[in-house]
N, C-alpha and C. Protein backbone atom coordinates (compact mmCIF):
# COMPACT_ATOMS: atom_id res chain seq x y z
N MET A 1 76.02 135.37 -44.02
CA MET A 1 75.26 134.71 -45.05
C MET A 1 75.71 135.25 -46.41
N PRO A 2 76.13 134.40 -47.31
CA PRO A 2 76.51 134.86 -48.64
C PRO A 2 75.29 135.34 -49.43
N VAL A 3 75.54 136.15 -50.44
CA VAL A 3 74.50 136.58 -51.38
C VAL A 3 75.02 136.31 -52.78
N HIS A 4 74.09 136.22 -53.76
CA HIS A 4 74.55 135.93 -55.11
C HIS A 4 73.82 136.76 -56.15
N GLY A 5 74.51 136.98 -57.24
CA GLY A 5 73.98 137.69 -58.39
C GLY A 5 75.09 137.92 -59.39
N HIS A 6 74.72 138.17 -60.65
CA HIS A 6 75.68 138.45 -61.71
C HIS A 6 76.63 137.27 -61.94
N GLY A 7 76.17 136.04 -61.66
CA GLY A 7 77.03 134.88 -61.83
C GLY A 7 78.10 134.74 -60.77
N LEU A 8 77.93 135.47 -59.67
CA LEU A 8 78.91 135.45 -58.58
C LEU A 8 78.21 135.17 -57.25
N VAL A 9 78.95 134.60 -56.33
CA VAL A 9 78.51 134.52 -54.95
C VAL A 9 79.46 135.39 -54.14
N PHE A 10 78.88 136.23 -53.27
CA PHE A 10 79.67 137.17 -52.48
C PHE A 10 79.69 136.67 -51.04
N THR A 11 80.89 136.40 -50.54
CA THR A 11 81.05 135.97 -49.16
C THR A 11 81.84 137.04 -48.42
N ALA A 12 81.51 137.19 -47.17
CA ALA A 12 82.22 138.17 -46.33
C ALA A 12 82.32 137.59 -44.94
N SER A 13 83.51 137.58 -44.40
CA SER A 13 83.71 137.01 -43.08
C SER A 13 84.85 137.72 -42.35
N ALA A 14 84.66 137.86 -41.05
CA ALA A 14 85.71 138.43 -40.22
C ALA A 14 86.18 137.41 -39.19
N VAL A 15 85.89 136.15 -39.42
CA VAL A 15 86.36 135.09 -38.52
C VAL A 15 87.83 134.83 -38.87
N ASN A 16 88.69 135.00 -37.91
CA ASN A 16 90.15 134.86 -38.04
C ASN A 16 90.79 135.98 -38.85
N GLU A 17 90.23 136.34 -39.98
CA GLU A 17 90.73 137.44 -40.80
C GLU A 17 89.56 138.04 -41.57
N ARG A 18 89.64 139.33 -41.87
CA ARG A 18 88.58 139.99 -42.63
C ARG A 18 88.82 139.75 -44.12
N ARG A 19 87.78 139.18 -44.79
CA ARG A 19 87.95 138.90 -46.21
C ARG A 19 86.59 138.93 -46.90
N ILE A 20 86.55 139.62 -48.04
CA ILE A 20 85.39 139.64 -48.92
C ILE A 20 85.82 138.95 -50.21
N LEU A 21 85.01 138.00 -50.68
CA LEU A 21 85.32 137.29 -51.92
C LEU A 21 84.12 137.34 -52.84
N ALA A 22 84.37 137.54 -54.13
CA ALA A 22 83.38 137.39 -55.19
C ALA A 22 83.83 136.17 -55.99
N ILE A 23 83.07 135.08 -55.87
CA ILE A 23 83.47 133.81 -56.47
C ILE A 23 82.52 133.48 -57.61
N LYS A 24 83.08 133.06 -58.75
CA LYS A 24 82.26 132.68 -59.90
C LYS A 24 81.43 131.45 -59.54
N LEU A 25 80.13 131.50 -59.87
CA LEU A 25 79.21 130.41 -59.49
C LEU A 25 79.53 129.09 -60.17
N ASP A 26 80.17 129.11 -61.32
CA ASP A 26 80.47 127.85 -62.01
C ASP A 26 81.77 127.21 -61.53
N ALA A 27 82.38 127.76 -60.49
CA ALA A 27 83.63 127.22 -59.96
C ALA A 27 83.37 125.87 -59.29
N VAL A 28 84.36 124.99 -59.39
CA VAL A 28 84.25 123.65 -58.82
C VAL A 28 85.54 123.37 -58.04
N GLY A 29 85.39 122.72 -56.88
CA GLY A 29 86.55 122.32 -56.11
C GLY A 29 87.15 123.45 -55.30
N ASP A 30 88.41 123.30 -54.96
CA ASP A 30 89.13 124.30 -54.18
C ASP A 30 89.44 125.50 -55.08
N VAL A 31 88.83 126.63 -54.80
CA VAL A 31 89.00 127.81 -55.64
C VAL A 31 90.05 128.79 -55.09
N THR A 32 90.68 128.42 -53.99
CA THR A 32 91.68 129.29 -53.37
C THR A 32 92.74 129.69 -54.39
N ASP A 33 92.98 130.98 -54.50
CA ASP A 33 94.01 131.53 -55.39
C ASP A 33 93.85 131.08 -56.85
N SER A 34 92.60 130.93 -57.30
CA SER A 34 92.36 130.55 -58.69
C SER A 34 91.63 131.68 -59.42
N ASP A 35 91.45 131.51 -60.73
CA ASP A 35 90.72 132.51 -61.50
C ASP A 35 89.22 132.45 -61.24
N ALA A 36 88.78 131.56 -60.37
CA ALA A 36 87.37 131.51 -59.96
C ALA A 36 87.04 132.68 -59.02
N ILE A 37 88.06 133.30 -58.46
CA ILE A 37 87.88 134.48 -57.61
C ILE A 37 87.84 135.70 -58.53
N ALA A 38 86.66 136.29 -58.69
CA ALA A 38 86.52 137.47 -59.55
C ALA A 38 87.22 138.67 -58.92
N TRP A 39 87.07 138.82 -57.62
CA TRP A 39 87.78 139.87 -56.88
C TRP A 39 87.73 139.55 -55.40
N LYS A 40 88.65 140.14 -54.65
CA LYS A 40 88.67 139.95 -53.20
C LYS A 40 89.22 141.20 -52.54
N LEU A 41 88.90 141.32 -51.27
CA LEU A 41 89.40 142.43 -50.46
C LEU A 41 89.64 141.89 -49.06
N ASP A 42 90.80 142.18 -48.52
CA ASP A 42 91.16 141.68 -47.19
C ASP A 42 90.95 142.71 -46.10
N ARG A 43 89.82 143.41 -46.17
CA ARG A 43 89.42 144.35 -45.12
C ARG A 43 87.95 144.68 -45.32
N ALA A 44 87.37 145.34 -44.36
CA ALA A 44 85.99 145.84 -44.42
C ALA A 44 84.92 144.76 -44.27
N ALA A 45 85.30 143.51 -44.08
CA ALA A 45 84.31 142.43 -43.98
C ALA A 45 83.63 142.43 -42.61
N PRO A 46 82.34 142.11 -42.58
CA PRO A 46 81.61 142.04 -41.32
C PRO A 46 81.81 140.71 -40.61
N TYR A 47 81.59 140.72 -39.32
CA TYR A 47 81.56 139.49 -38.53
C TYR A 47 80.13 138.95 -38.49
N ASN A 48 79.14 139.81 -38.30
CA ASN A 48 77.75 139.38 -38.19
C ASN A 48 76.87 139.74 -39.38
N PRO A 49 76.76 141.01 -39.79
CA PRO A 49 75.80 141.36 -40.83
C PRO A 49 76.11 140.74 -42.19
N SER A 50 75.07 140.33 -42.89
CA SER A 50 75.23 139.83 -44.25
C SER A 50 75.40 141.01 -45.21
N PRO A 51 76.04 140.76 -46.35
CA PRO A 51 76.12 141.81 -47.36
C PRO A 51 74.74 142.11 -47.94
N LEU A 52 74.58 143.28 -48.51
CA LEU A 52 73.38 143.66 -49.23
C LEU A 52 73.76 143.85 -50.69
N LEU A 53 73.22 143.00 -51.57
CA LEU A 53 73.44 143.13 -53.01
C LEU A 53 72.19 143.76 -53.61
N TRP A 54 72.39 144.90 -54.28
CA TRP A 54 71.27 145.64 -54.86
C TRP A 54 71.69 146.04 -56.26
N ASP A 55 71.11 145.38 -57.26
CA ASP A 55 71.54 145.54 -58.64
C ASP A 55 73.04 145.26 -58.71
N ASN A 56 73.84 146.21 -59.17
CA ASN A 56 75.29 145.99 -59.24
C ASN A 56 76.02 146.72 -58.11
N GLU A 57 75.34 146.88 -56.98
CA GLU A 57 75.94 147.53 -55.82
C GLU A 57 75.99 146.53 -54.67
N LEU A 58 77.13 146.43 -54.03
CA LEU A 58 77.31 145.56 -52.88
C LEU A 58 77.63 146.44 -51.68
N TYR A 59 76.81 146.34 -50.63
CA TYR A 59 76.97 147.14 -49.42
C TYR A 59 77.35 146.22 -48.27
N LEU A 60 78.27 146.70 -47.43
CA LEU A 60 78.73 145.92 -46.29
C LEU A 60 78.86 146.81 -45.07
N VAL A 61 78.49 146.24 -43.92
CA VAL A 61 78.70 146.91 -42.64
C VAL A 61 79.76 146.14 -41.89
N ARG A 62 80.90 146.75 -41.65
CA ARG A 62 81.91 146.13 -40.78
C ARG A 62 81.47 146.44 -39.36
N ASP A 63 81.15 145.42 -38.62
CA ASP A 63 80.52 145.60 -37.31
C ASP A 63 81.49 145.72 -36.15
N GLY A 64 82.76 145.58 -36.35
CA GLY A 64 83.72 145.77 -35.27
C GLY A 64 83.92 144.56 -34.38
N GLY A 65 83.19 143.47 -34.63
CA GLY A 65 83.34 142.27 -33.81
C GLY A 65 83.04 142.54 -32.36
N LEU A 66 84.00 142.30 -31.48
CA LEU A 66 83.80 142.50 -30.04
C LEU A 66 84.07 143.92 -29.59
N ILE A 67 84.53 144.77 -30.50
CA ILE A 67 84.84 146.15 -30.15
C ILE A 67 83.62 147.01 -30.48
N GLY A 68 82.82 147.34 -29.50
CA GLY A 68 81.60 148.10 -29.70
C GLY A 68 81.86 149.50 -30.22
N GLY A 69 80.90 150.02 -30.97
CA GLY A 69 80.97 151.40 -31.43
C GLY A 69 81.91 151.66 -32.58
N THR A 70 82.34 150.62 -33.28
CA THR A 70 83.34 150.81 -34.35
C THR A 70 82.83 150.39 -35.72
N SER A 71 81.53 150.29 -35.91
CA SER A 71 81.00 149.88 -37.20
C SER A 71 81.32 150.90 -38.29
N ARG A 72 81.56 150.40 -39.51
CA ARG A 72 81.84 151.22 -40.68
C ARG A 72 81.00 150.69 -41.85
N PHE A 73 80.79 151.55 -42.86
CA PHE A 73 79.94 151.19 -43.99
C PHE A 73 80.73 151.32 -45.28
N SER A 74 80.55 150.35 -46.20
CA SER A 74 81.27 150.33 -47.47
C SER A 74 80.32 150.01 -48.61
N ALA A 75 80.67 150.49 -49.81
CA ALA A 75 79.91 150.18 -51.01
C ALA A 75 80.87 149.90 -52.15
N PHE A 76 80.51 148.90 -52.97
CA PHE A 76 81.36 148.46 -54.07
C PHE A 76 80.51 148.26 -55.32
N GLU A 77 81.16 148.32 -56.47
CA GLU A 77 80.57 147.83 -57.69
C GLU A 77 80.69 146.31 -57.61
N ALA A 78 79.58 145.62 -57.62
CA ALA A 78 79.59 144.19 -57.30
C ALA A 78 80.40 143.36 -58.29
N THR A 79 80.28 143.62 -59.56
CA THR A 79 80.93 142.76 -60.54
C THR A 79 82.44 142.94 -60.62
N THR A 80 82.93 144.13 -60.25
CA THR A 80 84.37 144.39 -60.38
C THR A 80 85.09 144.57 -59.05
N GLY A 81 84.35 144.87 -57.99
CA GLY A 81 84.97 145.15 -56.70
C GLY A 81 85.44 146.59 -56.58
N ARG A 82 85.20 147.40 -57.61
CA ARG A 82 85.60 148.81 -57.54
C ARG A 82 84.91 149.47 -56.35
N GLN A 83 85.68 150.16 -55.54
CA GLN A 83 85.16 150.78 -54.32
C GLN A 83 84.47 152.11 -54.63
N HIS A 84 83.23 152.21 -54.19
CA HIS A 84 82.56 153.51 -54.22
C HIS A 84 82.99 154.30 -52.98
N TYR A 85 82.92 153.65 -51.82
CA TYR A 85 83.49 154.19 -50.59
C TYR A 85 83.81 153.02 -49.68
N LEU A 86 84.82 153.19 -48.84
CA LEU A 86 85.34 152.07 -48.05
C LEU A 86 85.44 152.46 -46.58
N GLN A 87 84.82 151.65 -45.74
CA GLN A 87 84.88 151.78 -44.28
C GLN A 87 84.61 153.21 -43.83
N THR A 88 83.54 153.77 -44.37
CA THR A 88 83.14 155.13 -44.03
C THR A 88 82.53 155.15 -42.64
N ARG A 89 82.89 156.15 -41.87
CA ARG A 89 82.36 156.27 -40.51
C ARG A 89 80.86 156.57 -40.55
N LEU A 90 80.16 155.97 -39.64
CA LEU A 90 78.74 156.26 -39.45
C LEU A 90 78.62 157.57 -38.66
N PRO A 91 77.42 158.14 -38.56
CA PRO A 91 77.28 159.45 -37.91
C PRO A 91 77.67 159.51 -36.44
N SER A 92 77.82 158.36 -35.79
CA SER A 92 78.22 158.31 -34.39
C SER A 92 78.93 156.99 -34.16
N SER A 93 79.33 156.71 -32.93
CA SER A 93 79.95 155.43 -32.60
C SER A 93 78.84 154.39 -32.45
N TYR A 94 78.73 153.52 -33.44
CA TYR A 94 77.65 152.53 -33.45
C TYR A 94 78.20 151.12 -33.53
N THR A 95 77.39 150.20 -33.03
CA THR A 95 77.61 148.78 -33.20
C THR A 95 76.43 148.24 -33.99
N VAL A 96 76.71 147.65 -35.15
CA VAL A 96 75.66 147.13 -36.02
C VAL A 96 75.83 145.63 -36.15
N LYS A 97 74.87 144.88 -35.66
CA LYS A 97 74.88 143.42 -35.80
C LYS A 97 73.84 142.96 -36.82
N ALA A 98 72.77 143.74 -37.03
CA ALA A 98 71.71 143.40 -37.98
C ALA A 98 72.22 143.63 -39.40
N SER A 99 71.74 142.84 -40.33
CA SER A 99 72.09 143.02 -41.74
C SER A 99 71.35 144.22 -42.31
N PRO A 100 72.00 144.96 -43.21
CA PRO A 100 71.32 146.10 -43.83
C PRO A 100 70.22 145.62 -44.77
N ILE A 101 69.25 146.48 -45.01
CA ILE A 101 68.17 146.17 -45.93
C ILE A 101 67.93 147.40 -46.80
N GLY A 102 67.49 147.17 -48.03
CA GLY A 102 67.23 148.27 -48.93
C GLY A 102 65.78 148.32 -49.34
N ALA A 103 65.25 149.52 -49.43
CA ALA A 103 63.87 149.73 -49.89
C ALA A 103 63.73 151.18 -50.33
N GLY A 104 63.09 151.40 -51.48
CA GLY A 104 62.82 152.75 -51.93
C GLY A 104 64.05 153.62 -52.10
N ASP A 105 65.14 153.07 -52.63
CA ASP A 105 66.41 153.78 -52.82
C ASP A 105 67.03 154.27 -51.52
N LYS A 106 66.69 153.58 -50.43
CA LYS A 106 67.30 153.89 -49.12
C LYS A 106 67.81 152.59 -48.51
N ILE A 107 68.86 152.71 -47.75
CA ILE A 107 69.42 151.58 -47.01
C ILE A 107 69.21 151.86 -45.54
N TYR A 108 68.76 150.84 -44.82
CA TYR A 108 68.46 150.98 -43.40
C TYR A 108 69.44 150.15 -42.60
N LEU A 109 70.10 150.81 -41.64
CA LEU A 109 71.01 150.15 -40.72
C LEU A 109 70.45 150.31 -39.31
N LEU A 110 70.26 149.20 -38.62
CA LEU A 110 69.75 149.23 -37.24
C LEU A 110 70.92 149.01 -36.30
N THR A 111 70.99 149.80 -35.23
CA THR A 111 72.14 149.76 -34.34
C THR A 111 71.77 149.20 -32.96
N GLU A 112 72.77 148.69 -32.29
CA GLU A 112 72.57 148.25 -30.91
C GLU A 112 72.29 149.43 -29.99
N GLU A 113 72.68 150.62 -30.40
CA GLU A 113 72.46 151.82 -29.60
C GLU A 113 71.03 152.35 -29.74
N GLY A 114 70.22 151.73 -30.61
CA GLY A 114 68.81 152.09 -30.72
C GLY A 114 68.47 153.08 -31.81
N ASP A 115 69.41 153.35 -32.71
CA ASP A 115 69.14 154.25 -33.82
C ASP A 115 68.95 153.47 -35.12
N VAL A 116 68.15 154.04 -36.00
CA VAL A 116 67.99 153.53 -37.36
C VAL A 116 68.62 154.57 -38.28
N ILE A 117 69.69 154.18 -38.96
CA ILE A 117 70.40 155.07 -39.87
C ILE A 117 69.86 154.83 -41.28
N VAL A 118 69.49 155.90 -41.95
CA VAL A 118 68.97 155.82 -43.31
C VAL A 118 70.01 156.44 -44.24
N ILE A 119 70.49 155.63 -45.20
CA ILE A 119 71.54 156.04 -46.12
C ILE A 119 71.00 155.99 -47.54
N ARG A 120 71.33 157.01 -48.33
CA ARG A 120 70.91 157.02 -49.73
C ARG A 120 71.66 155.94 -50.50
N ARG A 121 70.92 155.19 -51.27
CA ARG A 121 71.52 154.17 -52.12
C ARG A 121 72.31 154.86 -53.23
N GLY A 122 73.46 154.30 -53.57
CA GLY A 122 74.24 154.83 -54.67
C GLY A 122 75.72 154.93 -54.35
N PRO A 123 76.50 155.40 -55.30
CA PRO A 123 77.96 155.41 -55.15
C PRO A 123 78.52 156.48 -54.24
N THR A 124 77.68 157.41 -53.79
CA THR A 124 78.13 158.46 -52.88
C THR A 124 77.49 158.26 -51.52
N TYR A 125 78.31 158.25 -50.48
CA TYR A 125 77.80 158.06 -49.13
C TYR A 125 77.05 159.31 -48.67
N GLU A 126 75.78 159.13 -48.31
CA GLU A 126 74.98 160.24 -47.80
C GLU A 126 73.99 159.72 -46.77
N VAL A 127 74.11 160.20 -45.56
CA VAL A 127 73.16 159.85 -44.51
C VAL A 127 71.95 160.77 -44.65
N LEU A 128 70.78 160.18 -44.82
CA LEU A 128 69.55 160.95 -44.98
C LEU A 128 68.89 161.25 -43.65
N ALA A 129 69.01 160.31 -42.70
CA ALA A 129 68.36 160.50 -41.40
C ALA A 129 68.96 159.54 -40.38
N VAL A 130 68.85 159.93 -39.13
CA VAL A 130 69.15 159.06 -38.00
C VAL A 130 67.93 159.14 -37.09
N ASN A 131 67.22 158.04 -36.97
CA ASN A 131 65.98 157.99 -36.18
C ASN A 131 66.23 157.23 -34.89
N SER A 132 66.07 157.90 -33.78
CA SER A 132 66.28 157.27 -32.49
C SER A 132 65.02 156.52 -32.07
N MET A 133 65.16 155.22 -31.84
CA MET A 133 64.04 154.38 -31.44
C MET A 133 64.13 153.99 -29.96
N ASP A 134 65.22 154.35 -29.30
CA ASP A 134 65.43 154.07 -27.88
C ASP A 134 65.28 152.59 -27.53
N GLU A 135 65.75 151.73 -28.43
CA GLU A 135 65.69 150.29 -28.17
C GLU A 135 66.78 149.60 -28.96
N MET A 136 67.46 148.66 -28.34
CA MET A 136 68.54 147.93 -28.98
C MET A 136 68.01 147.07 -30.13
N PHE A 137 68.74 147.10 -31.27
CA PHE A 137 68.40 146.26 -32.41
C PHE A 137 69.55 145.31 -32.70
N ILE A 138 69.23 144.04 -32.81
CA ILE A 138 70.19 143.03 -33.23
C ILE A 138 69.66 142.28 -34.45
N ALA A 139 68.34 142.10 -34.51
CA ALA A 139 67.71 141.40 -35.64
C ALA A 139 67.67 142.28 -36.87
N SER A 140 67.76 141.65 -38.03
CA SER A 140 67.68 142.37 -39.29
C SER A 140 66.25 142.81 -39.56
N PRO A 141 66.08 143.97 -40.20
CA PRO A 141 64.74 144.45 -40.53
C PRO A 141 64.14 143.66 -41.69
N ALA A 142 62.85 143.84 -41.91
CA ALA A 142 62.16 143.19 -43.03
C ALA A 142 61.19 144.17 -43.65
N VAL A 143 61.00 144.07 -44.95
CA VAL A 143 60.02 144.87 -45.68
C VAL A 143 58.95 143.93 -46.21
N VAL A 144 57.69 144.24 -45.89
CA VAL A 144 56.56 143.44 -46.35
C VAL A 144 55.46 144.39 -46.80
N ASP A 145 55.05 144.27 -48.06
CA ASP A 145 53.97 145.09 -48.62
C ASP A 145 54.16 146.58 -48.33
N GLY A 146 55.38 147.07 -48.49
CA GLY A 146 55.65 148.49 -48.31
C GLY A 146 55.78 148.94 -46.87
N GLU A 147 55.75 148.01 -45.93
CA GLU A 147 55.91 148.35 -44.51
C GLU A 147 57.25 147.82 -44.02
N LEU A 148 57.89 148.60 -43.17
CA LEU A 148 59.20 148.25 -42.63
C LEU A 148 59.01 147.73 -41.20
N PHE A 149 59.45 146.50 -40.96
CA PHE A 149 59.33 145.88 -39.64
C PHE A 149 60.69 145.84 -38.96
N LEU A 150 60.73 146.33 -37.72
CA LEU A 150 61.95 146.38 -36.93
C LEU A 150 61.71 145.65 -35.62
N ARG A 151 62.50 144.63 -35.34
CA ARG A 151 62.35 143.93 -34.07
C ARG A 151 63.42 144.41 -33.11
N GLY A 152 62.96 145.12 -32.10
CA GLY A 152 63.86 145.60 -31.07
C GLY A 152 64.00 144.57 -29.97
N LEU A 153 64.71 144.95 -28.94
CA LEU A 153 64.91 144.04 -27.81
C LEU A 153 63.60 143.71 -27.12
N LYS A 154 62.65 144.68 -27.05
CA LYS A 154 61.40 144.46 -26.35
C LYS A 154 60.15 144.66 -27.20
N HIS A 155 60.29 145.32 -28.35
CA HIS A 155 59.11 145.66 -29.14
C HIS A 155 59.31 145.31 -30.61
N LEU A 156 58.19 145.14 -31.32
CA LEU A 156 58.18 145.01 -32.77
C LEU A 156 57.57 146.28 -33.31
N PHE A 157 58.32 146.98 -34.16
CA PHE A 157 57.86 148.24 -34.75
C PHE A 157 57.45 148.01 -36.18
N CYS A 158 56.41 148.69 -36.63
CA CYS A 158 56.02 148.69 -38.03
C CYS A 158 55.98 150.13 -38.50
N ILE A 159 56.81 150.44 -39.49
CA ILE A 159 56.87 151.78 -40.06
C ILE A 159 56.11 151.73 -41.38
N SER A 160 55.06 152.55 -41.50
CA SER A 160 54.19 152.51 -42.67
C SER A 160 53.78 153.92 -43.06
N SER A 161 53.45 154.10 -44.31
CA SER A 161 52.97 155.41 -44.74
C SER A 161 51.52 155.63 -44.32
N GLU A 162 50.83 154.58 -43.94
CA GLU A 162 49.44 154.70 -43.49
C GLU A 162 49.35 154.97 -42.00
């Protein structure tokens, strides 16, 4: 699923080839190899998870496609494509199909292996926590009224301060 902001639409796909594109929203027609492409990268693109755009930060999880346990995490300056970090290894061999979500200056990655990885938002990669939930996650998480909802294979979890 593409995301948009800063007058750009960000697409990421690993179908046939891995490619991330930042396309100017006012572009018309075939924009291939035109100045309508603000920046592009031919690696690190996910097959399943959508990008996460947070202010001028673009986060991507390369999910490894059919090769389980090979997910990687990347962060970019959204408007320029400048890499903060690229295809950084997660704390273990994970497969991530759910899209990342951000809340409270933290990014949450849900894994098929049943862990929730919490990463500090910003230009430096820092894992804050790995929470084992003992349940496969494929669906993307949601935040509603300060509560974090996680749909596992068999259960719906609500993480709340109350």
